[in-house]
């Protein structure tokens, strides 16, 4: 019966997120919180100028509220039925993870607010963003250390390997890197929300298989929240998630992966995000080395495919299929080589 809370979390989060848009989208329009489109972006994106941003509050509110409610109720009913609740460490992973995601979302909100207030597409400076992001990652890792989290890393078919003190700088870099990769993926209608929805679906399956029901509920709340948001964000988008939403999603995915001791799977479950990030890195590097030549027509890479004539819906569909393939590979490796996770 424990799996019922996962279903409830997904359905409730979808309802809260989707219904919240009925009030939030007009409210953002009233405040004139519209997106400013970069001059260097695709010319046809100019029609999106003024579309309300910060719509990510839909899944932020639904994910946090629904996870908290359903996890607490799951613990209460499990204890009543004589089922031992999860360990203190597992509980800490859930709520510290929610806090980390919310903190990254707060950084995104500051960035979005500066953009809206100054009517430009540049908010916080890169140095300011990175400093705040590493501070959040450090706070999360310190909390995990306080609750007894070790420094070992799970490797499929080999078990857990303790990498000692090096775990912390590597973990911080992985967290900040993935958060920014998710942020870069947010560039066309429905893309970031769709990729994250499918990532969350596979994390539901993995956490359920590993008997981490609290994290299964947390994953389900994210999946439902993203789906509710896509009602408003799928092409043609009525609202954008903004950095508020994309940084939150990055932090949330990191919280789930670290909570499941699946840091090693970040490159696979986050393949689309990371491909987007490296397309920017490769583009900039190639541009500098060749004194002005471009590797892609435009980066991040979803814009390259736009410039090749792909529709936004086609890009979202193909990228989602890639995420499904990667998620299936992760699930298979956990099931076939993940005994040491338990």
C-alpha atoms as a PDB file:
ATOM      1  CA  UNK A   1       0.000   0.000   0.000  1.00  0.00           C
ATOM      2  CA  UNK A   2       2.982   2.354   0.359  1.00  0.00           C
ATOM      3  CA  UNK A   3       3.009   2.932  -3.411  1.00  0.00           C
ATOM      4  CA  UNK A   4      -0.388   4.601  -3.198  1.00  0.00           C
ATOM      5  CA  UNK A   5       1.268   7.693  -1.722  1.00  0.00           C
ATOM      6  CA  UNK A   6       3.414   8.004  -4.835  1.00  0.00           C
ATOM      7  CA  UNK A   7       0.284   7.990  -6.998  1.00  0.00           C
ATOM      8  CA  UNK A   8      -1.446  10.482  -4.702  1.00  0.00           C
ATOM      9  CA  UNK A   9       1.604  12.773  -4.773  1.00  0.00           C
ATOM     10  CA  UNK A  10       1.751  12.752  -8.581  1.00  0.00           C
ATOM     11  CA  UNK A  11      -1.977  13.440  -9.001  1.00  0.00           C
ATOM     12  CA  UNK A  12      -2.138  16.091  -6.295  1.00  0.00           C
ATOM     13  CA  UNK A  13       0.958  17.905  -7.545  1.00  0.00           C
ATOM     14  CA  UNK A  14      -0.396  17.916 -11.104  1.00  0.00           C
ATOM     15  CA  UNK A  15      -3.678  19.408  -9.883  1.00  0.00           C
ATOM     16  CA  UNK A  16      -2.019  22.065  -7.713  1.00  0.00           C
ATOM     17  CA  UNK A  17       0.463  23.077 -10.412  1.00  0.00           C
ATOM     18  CA  UNK A  18      -2.051  23.173 -13.237  1.00  0.00           C
ATOM     19  CA  UNK A  19      -4.746  24.991 -11.266  1.00  0.00           C
ATOM     20  CA  UNK A  20      -2.244  27.476  -9.861  1.00  0.00           C
ATOM     21  CA  UNK A  21      -1.633  28.670 -13.411  1.00  0.00           C
ATOM     22  CA  UNK A  22      -5.226  29.932 -13.641  1.00  0.00           C
ATOM     23  CA  UNK A  23      -4.326  32.584 -11.078  1.00  0.00           C
ATOM     24  CA  UNK A  24      -0.567  32.933 -11.602  1.00  0.00           C
ATOM     25  CA  UNK A  25      -0.403  33.654 -15.348  1.00  0.00           C
ATOM     26  CA  UNK A  26      -2.834  36.628 -15.233  1.00  0.00           C
ATOM     27  CA  UNK A  27      -1.113  37.845 -12.047  1.00  0.00           C
ATOM     28  CA  UNK A  28       2.300  37.848 -13.739  1.00  0.00           C
ATOM     29  CA  UNK A  29       0.810  39.684 -16.713  1.00  0.00           C
ATOM     30  CA  UNK A  30      -0.678  42.273 -14.372  1.00  0.00           C
ATOM     31  CA  UNK A  31       2.732  42.835 -12.797  1.00  0.00           C
ATOM     32  CA  UNK A  32       4.276  43.096 -16.297  1.00  0.00           C
ATOM     33  CA  UNK A  33       6.712  40.303 -15.451  1.00  0.00           C
ATOM     34  CA  UNK A  34       7.377  39.600 -19.110  1.00  0.00           C
ATOM     35  CA  UNK A  35      10.373  37.825 -20.646  1.00  0.00           C
ATOM     36  CA  UNK A  36      12.917  39.940 -22.499  1.00  0.00           C
ATOM     37  CA  UNK A  37      14.189  38.120 -25.589  1.00  0.00           C
ATOM     38  CA  UNK A  38      17.888  38.328 -26.449  1.00  0.00           C
ATOM     39  CA  UNK A  39      18.755  40.182 -29.661  1.00  0.00           C
ATOM     40  CA  UNK A  40      21.144  37.353 -30.608  1.00  0.00           C
ATOM     41  CA  UNK A  41      18.415  34.717 -30.306  1.00  0.00           C
ATOM     42  CA  UNK A  42      16.328  33.298 -33.171  1.00  0.00           C
ATOM     43  CA  UNK A  43      14.410  36.137 -34.822  1.00  0.00           C
ATOM     44  CA  UNK A  44      11.094  34.246 -34.619  1.00  0.00           C
ATOM     45  CA  UNK A  45      11.408  34.222 -30.805  1.00  0.00           C
ATOM     46  CA  UNK A  46      10.749  37.973 -30.839  1.00  0.00           C
ATOM     47  CA  UNK A  47       7.051  37.129 -30.905  1.00  0.00           C
ATOM     48  CA  UNK A  48       7.490  35.729 -27.385  1.00  0.00           C
ATOM     49  CA  UNK A  49       8.588  39.113 -26.044  1.00  0.00           C
ATOM     50  CA  UNK A  50       6.554  39.948 -22.944  1.00  0.00           C
ATOM     51  CA  UNK A  51       5.349  36.385 -22.245  1.00  0.00           C
ATOM     52  CA  UNK A  52       5.062  36.112 -18.436  1.00  0.00           C
ATOM     53  CA  UNK A  53       8.117  34.592 -16.772  1.00  0.00           C
ATOM     54  CA  UNK A  54       8.578  33.051 -13.300  1.00  0.00           C
ATOM     55  CA  UNK A  55       5.815  30.545 -14.108  1.00  0.00           C
ATOM     56  CA  UNK A  56       8.063  27.985 -12.425  1.00  0.00           C
ATOM     57  CA  UNK A  57       6.342  28.916  -9.190  1.00  0.00           C
ATOM     58  CA  UNK A  58       3.618  26.475 -10.277  1.00  0.00           C
ATOM     59  CA  UNK A  59       5.765  23.367  -9.851  1.00  0.00           C
ATOM     60  CA  UNK A  60       7.842  24.899  -7.060  1.00  0.00           C
ATOM     61  CA  UNK A  61       4.794  25.344  -4.858  1.00  0.00           C
ATOM     62  CA  UNK A  62       3.214  22.023  -5.829  1.00  0.00           C
ATOM     63  CA  UNK A  63       6.408  19.968  -5.446  1.00  0.00           C
ATOM     64  CA  UNK A  64       7.357  21.338  -2.048  1.00  0.00           C
ATOM     65  CA  UNK A  65       3.862  21.321  -0.538  1.00  0.00           C
ATOM     66  CA  UNK A  66       2.824  17.932  -1.902  1.00  0.00           C
ATOM     67  CA  UNK A  67       6.114  16.221  -1.020  1.00  0.00           C
ATOM     68  CA  UNK A  68       5.997  17.551   2.538  1.00  0.00           C
ATOM     69  CA  UNK A  69       2.347  16.601   3.019  1.00  0.00           C
ATOM     70  CA  UNK A  70       2.517  13.140   1.477  1.00  0.00           C
ATOM     71  CA  UNK A  71       5.811  12.153   3.120  1.00  0.00           C
ATOM     72  CA  UNK A  72       4.479  13.123   6.547  1.00  0.00           C
ATOM     73  CA  UNK A  73       1.212  11.255   5.948  1.00  0.00           C
ATOM     74  CA  UNK A  74       3.120   8.240   4.637  1.00  0.00           C
ATOM     75  CA  UNK A  75       5.220   8.176   7.813  1.00  0.00           C
ATOM     76  CA  UNK A  76       2.150   8.534  10.037  1.00  0.00           C
ATOM     77  CA  UNK A  77       0.153   5.762   8.356  1.00  0.00           C
ATOM     78  CA  UNK A  78       3.186   3.484   8.033  1.00  0.00           C
ATOM     79  CA  UNK A  79       3.897   3.767  11.750  1.00  0.00           C
ATOM     80  CA  UNK A  80       0.254   3.090  12.540  1.00  0.00           C
ATOM     81  CA  UNK A  81       0.370  -0.049  10.390  1.00  0.00           C
ATOM     82  CA  UNK A  82       3.531  -1.263  12.106  1.00  0.00           C
ATOM     83  CA  UNK A  83       5.841  -0.482   9.184  1.00  0.00           C
ATOM     84  CA  UNK A  84       9.092   1.160  10.373  1.00  0.00           C
ATOM     85  CA  UNK A  85       9.502   4.679   8.948  1.00  0.00           C
ATOM     86  CA  UNK A  86      12.592   5.541   6.950  1.00  0.00           C
ATOM     87  CA  UNK A  87      15.854   6.354   8.689  1.00  0.00           C
ATOM     88  CA  UNK A  88      16.675   9.822   9.947  1.00  0.00           C
ATOM     89  CA  UNK A  89      19.236  10.136   7.157  1.00  0.00           C
ATOM     90  CA  UNK A  90      16.648   9.303   4.480  1.00  0.00           C
ATOM     91  CA  UNK A  91      14.241  11.835   5.959  1.00  0.00           C
ATOM     92  CA  UNK A  92      17.016  14.445   6.022  1.00  0.00           C
ATOM     93  CA  UNK A  93      17.786  13.742   2.369  1.00  0.00           C
ATOM     94  CA  UNK A  94      14.192  14.544   1.445  1.00  0.00           C
ATOM     95  CA  UNK A  95      13.787  17.789   3.339  1.00  0.00           C
ATOM     96  CA  UNK A  96      17.358  19.042   2.881  1.00  0.00           C
ATOM     97  CA  UNK A  97      16.881  18.284  -0.805  1.00  0.00           C
ATOM     98  CA  UNK A  98      13.699  20.361  -0.908  1.00  0.00           C
ATOM     99  CA  UNK A  99      15.521  23.194   0.831  1.00  0.00           C
ATOM    100  CA  UNK A 100      18.414  23.011  -1.644  1.00  0.00           C
ATOM    101  CA  UNK A 101      16.033  23.123  -4.611  1.00  0.00           C
ATOM    102  CA  UNK A 102      14.145  26.059  -3.076  1.00  0.00           C
ATOM    103  CA  UNK A 103      17.430  27.903  -2.427  1.00  0.00           C
ATOM    104  CA  UNK A 104      18.482  27.482  -6.052  1.00  0.00           C
ATOM    105  CA  UNK A 105      15.016  28.677  -7.052  1.00  0.00           C
ATOM    106  CA  UNK A 106      15.516  31.757  -4.857  1.00  0.00           C
ATOM    107  CA  UNK A 107      18.752  32.544  -6.716  1.00  0.00           C
ATOM    108  CA  UNK A 108      16.816  32.221  -9.945  1.00  0.00           C
ATOM    109  CA  UNK A 109      14.087  34.513  -8.607  1.00  0.00           C
ATOM    110  CA  UNK A 110      16.639  37.217  -7.797  1.00  0.00           C
ATOM    111  CA  UNK A 111      18.041  36.851 -11.303  1.00  0.00           C
ATOM    112  CA  UNK A 112      14.591  36.994 -12.911  1.00  0.00           C
ATOM    113  CA  UNK A 113      13.546  39.977 -10.811  1.00  0.00           C
ATOM    114  CA  UNK A 114      16.621  41.953 -11.816  1.00  0.00           C
ATOM    115  CA  UNK A 115      15.882  41.165 -15.464  1.00  0.00           C
ATOM    116  CA  UNK A 116      12.240  42.245 -15.143  1.00  0.00           C
ATOM    117  CA  UNK A 117      13.033  45.371 -13.120  1.00  0.00           C
ATOM    118  CA  UNK A 118      15.738  46.522 -15.540  1.00  0.00           C
ATOM    119  CA  UNK A 119      13.916  45.258 -18.657  1.00  0.00           C
ATOM    120  CA  UNK A 120      16.922  43.346 -19.959  1.00  0.00           C
ATOM    121  CA  UNK A 121      17.873  39.701 -20.369  1.00  0.00           C
ATOM    122  CA  UNK A 122      20.859  39.808 -18.008  1.00  0.00           C
ATOM    123  CA  UNK A 123      20.317  39.567 -14.256  1.00  0.00           C
ATOM    124  CA  UNK A 124      22.969  38.528 -11.768  1.00  0.00           C
ATOM    125  CA  UNK A 125      26.541  38.378 -13.031  1.00  0.00           C
ATOM    126  CA  UNK A 126      28.020  34.892 -13.640  1.00  0.00           C
ATOM    127  CA  UNK A 127      30.344  35.319 -10.639  1.00  0.00           C
ATOM    128  CA  UNK A 128      27.457  36.272  -8.366  1.00  0.00           C
ATOM    129  CA  UNK A 129      25.422  33.276  -9.526  1.00  0.00           C
ATOM    130  CA  UNK A 130      28.273  30.813  -9.073  1.00  0.00           C
ATOM    131  CA  UNK A 131      29.162  32.121  -5.633  1.00  0.00           C
ATOM    132  CA  UNK A 132      25.571  31.759  -4.421  1.00  0.00           C
ATOM    133  CA  UNK A 133      25.176  28.348  -6.064  1.00  0.00           C
ATOM    134  CA  UNK A 134      28.326  26.918  -4.498  1.00  0.00           C
ATOM    135  CA  UNK A 135      27.170  28.292  -1.138  1.00  0.00           C
ATOM    136  CA  UNK A 136      23.869  26.410  -1.483  1.00  0.00           C
ATOM    137  CA  UNK A 137      25.631  23.209  -2.569  1.00  0.00           C
ATOM    138  CA  UNK A 138      28.039  23.475   0.369  1.00  0.00           C
ATOM    139  CA  UNK A 139      25.166  23.972   2.813  1.00  0.00           C
ATOM    140  CA  UNK A 140      23.418  20.872   1.458  1.00  0.00           C
ATOM    141  CA  UNK A 141      26.536  18.713   1.646  1.00  0.00           C
ATOM    142  CA  UNK A 142      27.293  19.967   5.163  1.00  0.00           C
ATOM    143  CA  UNK A 143      23.769  19.020   6.231  1.00  0.00           C
ATOM    144  CA  UNK A 144      24.195  15.546   4.789  1.00  0.00           C
ATOM    145  CA  UNK A 145      27.508  15.166   6.625  1.00  0.00           C
ATOM    146  CA  UNK A 146      25.829  16.226   9.871  1.00  0.00           C
ATOM    147  CA  UNK A 147      23.185  13.496   9.455  1.00  0.00           C
ATOM    148  CA  UNK A 148      25.793  10.812   8.797  1.00  0.00           C
ATOM    149  CA  UNK A 149      26.047  10.619   5.012  1.00  0.00           C
ATOM    150  CA  UNK A 150      29.289   8.952   3.946  1.00  0.00           C
ATOM    151  CA  UNK A 151      31.749   9.733   1.177  1.00  0.00           C
ATOM    152  CA  UNK A 152      31.307   6.526  -0.779  1.00  0.00           C
ATOM    153  CA  UNK A 153      30.066   6.454  -4.375  1.00  0.00           C
ATOM    154  CA  UNK A 154      27.965   3.679  -5.889  1.00  0.00           C
ATOM    155  CA  UNK A 155      29.270   2.181  -9.140  1.00  0.00           C
ATOM    156  CA  UNK A 156      27.009  -0.340 -10.931  1.00  0.00           C
ATOM    157  CA  UNK A 157      28.224  -3.956 -10.755  1.00  0.00           C
ATOM    158  CA  UNK A 158      31.177  -2.955  -8.517  1.00  0.00           C
ATOM    159  CA  UNK A 159      29.498  -1.654  -5.375  1.00  0.00           C
ATOM    160  CA  UNK A 160      30.415   1.366  -3.291  1.00  0.00           C
ATOM    161  CA  UNK A 161      33.845   2.995  -3.316  1.00  0.00           C
ATOM    162  CA  UNK A 162      34.879   5.482  -0.640  1.00  0.00           C
ATOM    163  CA  UNK A 163      36.666   8.466  -2.204  1.00  0.00           C
ATOM    164  CA  UNK A 164      37.190  10.286   1.094  1.00  0.00           C
ATOM    165  CA  UNK A 165      37.450  14.051   1.398  1.00  0.00           C
ATOM    166  CA  UNK A 166      37.510  14.474  -2.400  1.00  0.00           C
ATOM    167  CA  UNK A 167      33.825  13.574  -2.409  1.00  0.00           C
ATOM    168  CA  UNK A 168      32.814  17.071  -1.281  1.00  0.00           C
ATOM    169  CA  UNK A 169      34.452  19.275  -3.954  1.00  0.00           C
ATOM    170  CA  UNK A 170      33.468  16.799  -6.667  1.00  0.00           C
ATOM    171  CA  UNK A 171      29.887  16.678  -5.372  1.00  0.00           C
ATOM    172  CA  UNK A 172      29.676  20.484  -5.214  1.00  0.00           C
ATOM    173  CA  UNK A 173      30.927  20.796  -8.800  1.00  0.00           C
ATOM    174  CA  UNK A 174      28.452  18.151  -9.987  1.00  0.00           C
ATOM    175  CA  UNK A 175      25.545  19.902  -8.266  1.00  0.00           C
ATOM    176  CA  UNK A 176      26.369  23.372  -9.572  1.00  0.00           C
ATOM    177  CA  UNK A 177      27.196  21.994 -13.016  1.00  0.00           C
ATOM    178  CA  UNK A 178      23.911  20.111 -13.368  1.00  0.00           C
ATOM    179  CA  UNK A 179      21.882  23.033 -12.018  1.00  0.00           C
ATOM    180  CA  UNK A 180      23.339  25.330 -14.674  1.00  0.00           C
ATOM    181  CA  UNK A 181      22.921  22.668 -17.356  1.00  0.00           C
ATOM    182  CA  UNK A 182      19.197  22.460 -16.553  1.00  0.00           C
ATOM    183  CA  UNK A 183      19.062  26.243 -16.708  1.00  0.00           C
ATOM    184  CA  UNK A 184      20.585  26.264 -20.215  1.00  0.00           C
ATOM    185  CA  UNK A 185      18.047  23.684 -21.396  1.00  0.00           C
ATOM    186  CA  UNK A 186      15.238  26.174 -20.810  1.00  0.00           C
ATOM    187  CA  UNK A 187      15.128  27.890 -24.188  1.00  0.00           C
ATOM    188  CA  UNK A 188      12.074  26.707 -26.108  1.00  0.00           C
ATOM    189  CA  UNK A 189       8.471  25.995 -25.163  1.00  0.00           C
ATOM    190  CA  UNK A 190       8.028  22.844 -23.113  1.00  0.00           C
ATOM    191  CA  UNK A 191      11.601  21.541 -23.359  1.00  0.00           C
ATOM    192  CA  UNK A 192      12.911  21.801 -19.800  1.00  0.00           C
ATOM    193  CA  UNK A 193       9.613  20.750 -18.267  1.00  0.00           C
ATOM    194  CA  UNK A 194       9.309  17.713 -20.563  1.00  0.00           C
ATOM    195  CA  UNK A 195      12.867  16.485 -20.030  1.00  0.00           C
ATOM    196  CA  UNK A 196      12.510  16.873 -16.265  1.00  0.00           C
ATOM    197  CA  UNK A 197       9.125  15.144 -16.293  1.00  0.00           C
ATOM    198  CA  UNK A 198      10.619  12.024 -17.899  1.00  0.00           C
ATOM    199  CA  UNK A 199      13.684  12.150 -15.638  1.00  0.00           C
ATOM    200  CA  UNK A 200      11.332  12.250 -12.635  1.00  0.00           C
ATOM    201  CA  UNK A 201       9.321   9.297 -13.970  1.00  0.00           C
ATOM    202  CA  UNK A 202      12.420   7.101 -14.079  1.00  0.00           C
ATOM    203  CA  UNK A 203      13.495   8.310 -10.641  1.00  0.00           C
ATOM    204  CA  UNK A 204      10.078   7.207  -9.337  1.00  0.00           C
ATOM    205  CA  UNK A 205      10.765   3.736 -10.717  1.00  0.00           C
ATOM    206  CA  UNK A 206      14.322   3.619  -9.347  1.00  0.00           C
ATOM    207  CA  UNK A 207      13.375   4.852  -5.877  1.00  0.00           C
ATOM    208  CA  UNK A 208      10.457   2.427  -5.755  1.00  0.00           C
ATOM    209  CA  UNK A 209      12.728  -0.457  -6.763  1.00  0.00           C
ATOM    210  CA  UNK A 210      15.220   0.580  -4.058  1.00  0.00           C
ATOM    211  CA  UNK A 211      12.393   0.843  -1.484  1.00  0.00           C
ATOM    212  CA  UNK A 212      13.057   4.558  -0.891  1.00  0.00           C
ATOM    213  CA  UNK A 213       9.400   5.510  -0.655  1.00  0.00           C
ATOM    214  CA  UNK A 214       9.994   9.025   0.583  1.00  0.00           C
ATOM    215  CA  UNK A 215      12.122   9.767  -2.465  1.00  0.00           C
ATOM    216  CA  UNK A 216       9.555   8.031  -4.664  1.00  0.00           C
ATOM    217  CA  UNK A 217       6.946  10.468  -3.349  1.00  0.00           C
ATOM    218  CA  UNK A 218       9.357  13.359  -3.910  1.00  0.00           C
ATOM    219  CA  UNK A 219       9.982  12.229  -7.506  1.00  0.00           C
ATOM    220  CA  UNK A 220       6.246  11.848  -8.139  1.00  0.00           C
ATOM    221  CA  UNK A 221       5.528  15.347  -6.847  1.00  0.00           C
ATOM    222  CA  UNK A 222       8.089  16.708  -9.310  1.00  0.00           C
ATOM    223  CA  UNK A 223       6.657  14.706 -12.222  1.00  0.00           C
ATOM    224  CA  UNK A 224       3.116  15.867 -11.452  1.00  0.00           C
ATOM    225  CA  UNK A 225       4.231  19.457 -10.965  1.00  0.00           C
ATOM    226  CA  UNK A 226       6.074  19.523 -14.303  1.00  0.00           C
ATOM    227  CA  UNK A 227       3.092  18.029 -16.108  1.00  0.00           C
ATOM    228  CA  UNK A 228       0.764  20.637 -14.606  1.00  0.00           C
ATOM    229  CA  UNK A 229       3.177  23.370 -15.674  1.00  0.00           C
ATOM    230  CA  UNK A 230       3.345  21.988 -19.219  1.00  0.00           C
ATOM    231  CA  UNK A 231      -0.372  22.699 -19.563  1.00  0.00           C
ATOM    232  CA  UNK A 232       0.698  26.354 -19.598  1.00  0.00           C
ATOM    233  CA  UNK A 233       4.195  26.038 -21.064  1.00  0.00           C
ATOM    234  CA  UNK A 234       3.807  23.653 -24.006  1.00  0.00           C
ATOM    235  CA  UNK A 235       3.971  25.349 -27.404  1.00  0.00           C
ATOM    236  CA  UNK A 236       2.707  28.000 -27.766  1.00  0.00           C
ATOM    237  CA  UNK A 237       3.711  28.868 -24.192  1.00  0.00           C
ATOM    238  CA  UNK A 238       1.471  31.081 -22.104  1.00  0.00           C
ATOM    239  CA  UNK A 239       4.236  31.416 -19.508  1.00  0.00           C
ATOM    240  CA  UNK A 240       7.916  30.603 -19.087  1.00  0.00           C
ATOM    241  CA  UNK A 241       9.473  29.026 -15.998  1.00  0.00           C
ATOM    242  CA  UNK A 242      12.298  31.578 -15.843  1.00  0.00           C
ATOM    243  CA  UNK A 243      15.526  31.018 -13.952  1.00  0.00           C
ATOM    244  CA  UNK A 244      13.296  30.735 -10.883  1.00  0.00           C
ATOM    245  CA  UNK A 245      11.956  27.464 -12.237  1.00  0.00           C
ATOM    246  CA  UNK A 246      14.956  26.061 -14.103  1.00  0.00           C
ATOM    247  CA  UNK A 247      17.401  26.474 -11.194  1.00  0.00           C
ATOM    248  CA  UNK A 248      14.827  24.903  -8.874  1.00  0.00           C
ATOM    249  CA  UNK A 249      14.471  21.927 -11.223  1.00  0.00           C
ATOM    250  CA  UNK A 250      18.243  21.485 -11.326  1.00  0.00           C
ATOM    251  CA  UNK A 251      18.480  21.515  -7.555  1.00  0.00           C
ATOM    252  CA  UNK A 252      15.553  19.110  -7.240  1.00  0.00           C
ATOM    253  CA  UNK A 253      17.035  16.572  -9.682  1.00  0.00           C
ATOM    254  CA  UNK A 254      20.353  16.762  -7.794  1.00  0.00           C
ATOM    255  CA  UNK A 255      18.542  16.196  -4.496  1.00  0.00           C
ATOM    256  CA  UNK A 256      16.906  13.050  -5.876  1.00  0.00           C
ATOM    257  CA  UNK A 257      20.101  11.638  -7.376  1.00  0.00           C
ATOM    258  CA  UNK A 258      22.172  12.322  -4.269  1.00  0.00           C
ATOM    259  CA  UNK A 259      19.340  11.078  -2.082  1.00  0.00           C
ATOM    260  CA  UNK A 260      19.374   7.779  -3.974  1.00  0.00           C
ATOM    261  CA  UNK A 261      23.202   7.587  -3.815  1.00  0.00           C
ATOM    262  CA  UNK A 262      23.181   7.770  -7.604  1.00  0.00           C
ATOM    263  CA  UNK A 263      25.671  10.576  -8.204  1.00  0.00           C
ATOM    264  CA  UNK A 264      27.419   8.377 -10.758  1.00  0.00           C
ATOM    265  CA  UNK A 265      24.304   8.480 -12.949  1.00  0.00           C
ATOM    266  CA  UNK A 266      24.252  12.286 -13.304  1.00  0.00           C
ATOM    267  CA  UNK A 267      25.850  12.177 -16.798  1.00  0.00           C
ATOM    268  CA  UNK A 268      23.260   9.626 -17.979  1.00  0.00           C
ATOM    269  CA  UNK A 269      19.987  10.767 -16.405  1.00  0.00           C
ATOM    270  CA  UNK A 270      21.102  14.337 -17.119  1.00  0.00           C
ATOM    271  CA  UNK A 271      22.435  13.593 -20.611  1.00  0.00           C
ATOM    272  CA  UNK A 272      20.201  16.103 -22.422  1.00  0.00           C
ATOM    273  CA  UNK A 273      20.948  18.852 -19.894  1.00  0.00           C
ATOM    274  CA  UNK A 274      24.693  18.200 -20.077  1.00  0.00           C
ATOM    275  CA  UNK A 275      24.660  18.066 -23.896  1.00  0.00           C
ATOM    276  CA  UNK A 276      23.036  21.505 -23.856  1.00  0.00           C
ATOM    277  CA  UNK A 277      25.716  22.837 -21.500  1.00  0.00           C
ATOM    278  CA  UNK A 278      28.647  21.402 -23.430  1.00  0.00           C
ATOM    279  CA  UNK A 279      27.245  22.692 -26.707  1.00  0.00           C
ATOM    280  CA  UNK A 280      27.685  26.187 -25.257  1.00  0.00           C
ATOM    281  CA  UNK A 281      31.173  25.411 -23.930  1.00  0.00           C
ATOM    282  CA  UNK A 282      32.285  23.900 -27.262  1.00  0.00           C
ATOM    283  CA  UNK A 283      30.746  26.779 -29.220  1.00  0.00           C
ATOM    284  CA  UNK A 284      32.536  29.440 -27.195  1.00  0.00           C
ATOM    285  CA  UNK A 285      35.850  27.556 -27.205  1.00  0.00           C
ATOM    286  CA  UNK A 286      35.723  26.879 -30.957  1.00  0.00           C
ATOM    287  CA  UNK A 287      34.749  30.508 -31.633  1.00  0.00           C
ATOM    288  CA  UNK A 288      37.772  31.779 -29.728  1.00  0.00           C
ATOM    289  CA  UNK A 289      40.237  29.258 -31.173  1.00  0.00           C
ATOM    290  CA  UNK A 290      39.145  29.886 -34.771  1.00  0.00           C
ATOM    291  CA  UNK A 291      38.736  33.665 -34.356  1.00  0.00           C
ATOM    292  CA  UNK A 292      35.047  33.830 -35.146  1.00  0.00           C
ATOM    293  CA  UNK A 293      33.993  30.514 -36.671  1.00  0.00           C
ATOM    294  CA  UNK A 294      31.043  28.624 -35.194  1.00  0.00           C
ATOM    295  CA  UNK A 295      30.749  24.926 -34.444  1.00  0.00           C
ATOM    296  CA  UNK A 296      26.931  25.089 -34.283  1.00  0.00           C
ATOM    297  CA  UNK A 297      24.559  27.476 -36.000  1.00  0.00           C
ATOM    298  CA  UNK A 298      23.572  28.617 -32.503  1.00  0.00           C
ATOM    299  CA  UNK A 299      23.930  27.339 -28.955  1.00  0.00           C
ATOM    300  CA  UNK A 300      22.575  25.856 -26.732  1.00  0.00           C
ATOM    301  CA  UNK A 301      22.090  23.025 -29.168  1.00  0.00           C
ATOM    302  CA  UNK A 302      18.274  23.188 -29.221  1.00  0.00           C
ATOM    303  CA  UNK A 303      18.669  26.525 -31.048  1.00  0.00           C
ATOM    304  CA  UNK A 304      20.971  24.828 -33.570  1.00  0.00           C
ATOM    305  CA  UNK A 305      18.161  22.440 -34.467  1.00  0.00           C
ATOM    306  CA  UNK A 306      15.747  25.371 -34.665  1.00  0.00           C
ATOM    307  CA  UNK A 307      18.073  27.042 -37.147  1.00  0.00           C
ATOM    308  CA  UNK A 308      18.095  23.755 -39.104  1.00  0.00           C
ATOM    309  CA  UNK A 309      14.329  24.061 -39.509  1.00  0.00           C
ATOM    310  CA  UNK A 310      13.067  21.828 -36.693  1.00  0.00           C
ATOM    311  CA  UNK A 311       9.878  22.985 -34.991  1.00  0.00           C
ATOM    312  CA  UNK A 312       9.858  23.474 -31.234  1.00  0.00           C
ATOM    313  CA  UNK A 313       7.482  20.529 -30.845  1.00  0.00           C
ATOM    314  CA  UNK A 314       9.813  18.268 -32.854  1.00  0.00           C
ATOM    315  CA  UNK A 315      12.810  19.281 -30.739  1.00  0.00           C
ATOM    316  CA  UNK A 316      10.911  18.598 -27.518  1.00  0.00           C
ATOM    317  CA  UNK A 317       9.753  15.220 -28.856  1.00  0.00           C
ATOM    318  CA  UNK A 318      13.193  14.059 -30.014  1.00  0.00           C
ATOM    319  CA  UNK A 319      14.986  15.301 -26.894  1.00  0.00           C
ATOM    320  CA  UNK A 320      12.337  13.599 -24.733  1.00  0.00           C
ATOM    321  CA  UNK A 321      12.903  10.319 -26.559  1.00  0.00           C
ATOM    322  CA  UNK A 322      16.628  10.655 -25.830  1.00  0.00           C
ATOM    323  CA  UNK A 323      15.801  11.189 -22.149  1.00  0.00           C
ATOM    324  CA  UNK A 324      13.562   8.105 -22.140  1.00  0.00           C
ATOM    325  CA  UNK A 325      16.378   5.996 -23.596  1.00  0.00           C
ATOM    326  CA  UNK A 326      18.831   7.326 -20.987  1.00  0.00           C
ATOM    327  CA  UNK A 327      16.335   6.784 -18.170  1.00  0.00           C
ATOM    328  CA  UNK A 328      15.730   3.227 -19.313  1.00  0.00           C
ATOM    329  CA  UNK A 329      19.481   2.585 -19.269  1.00  0.00           C
ATOM    330  CA  UNK A 330      19.737   3.943 -15.722  1.00  0.00           C
ATOM    331  CA  UNK A 331      16.850   1.782 -14.522  1.00  0.00           C
ATOM    332  CA  UNK A 332      18.381  -1.300 -16.163  1.00  0.00           C
ATOM    333  CA  UNK A 333      21.786  -0.714 -14.547  1.00  0.00           C
ATOM    334  CA  UNK A 334      20.233  -0.209 -11.130  1.00  0.00           C
ATOM    335  CA  UNK A 335      18.147  -3.367 -11.433  1.00  0.00           C
ATOM    336  CA  UNK A 336      20.958  -5.509 -12.842  1.00  0.00           C
ATOM    337  CA  UNK A 337      23.919  -4.111 -10.964  1.00  0.00           C
ATOM    338  CA  UNK A 338      22.564  -2.239  -7.997  1.00  0.00           C
ATOM    339  CA  UNK A 339      22.414  -4.752  -5.174  1.00  0.00           C
ATOM    340  CA  UNK A 340      24.764  -2.657  -3.066  1.00  0.00           C
ATOM    341  CA  UNK A 341      22.288   0.214  -3.118  1.00  0.00           C
ATOM    342  CA  UNK A 342      20.094  -1.601  -0.588  1.00  0.00           C
END
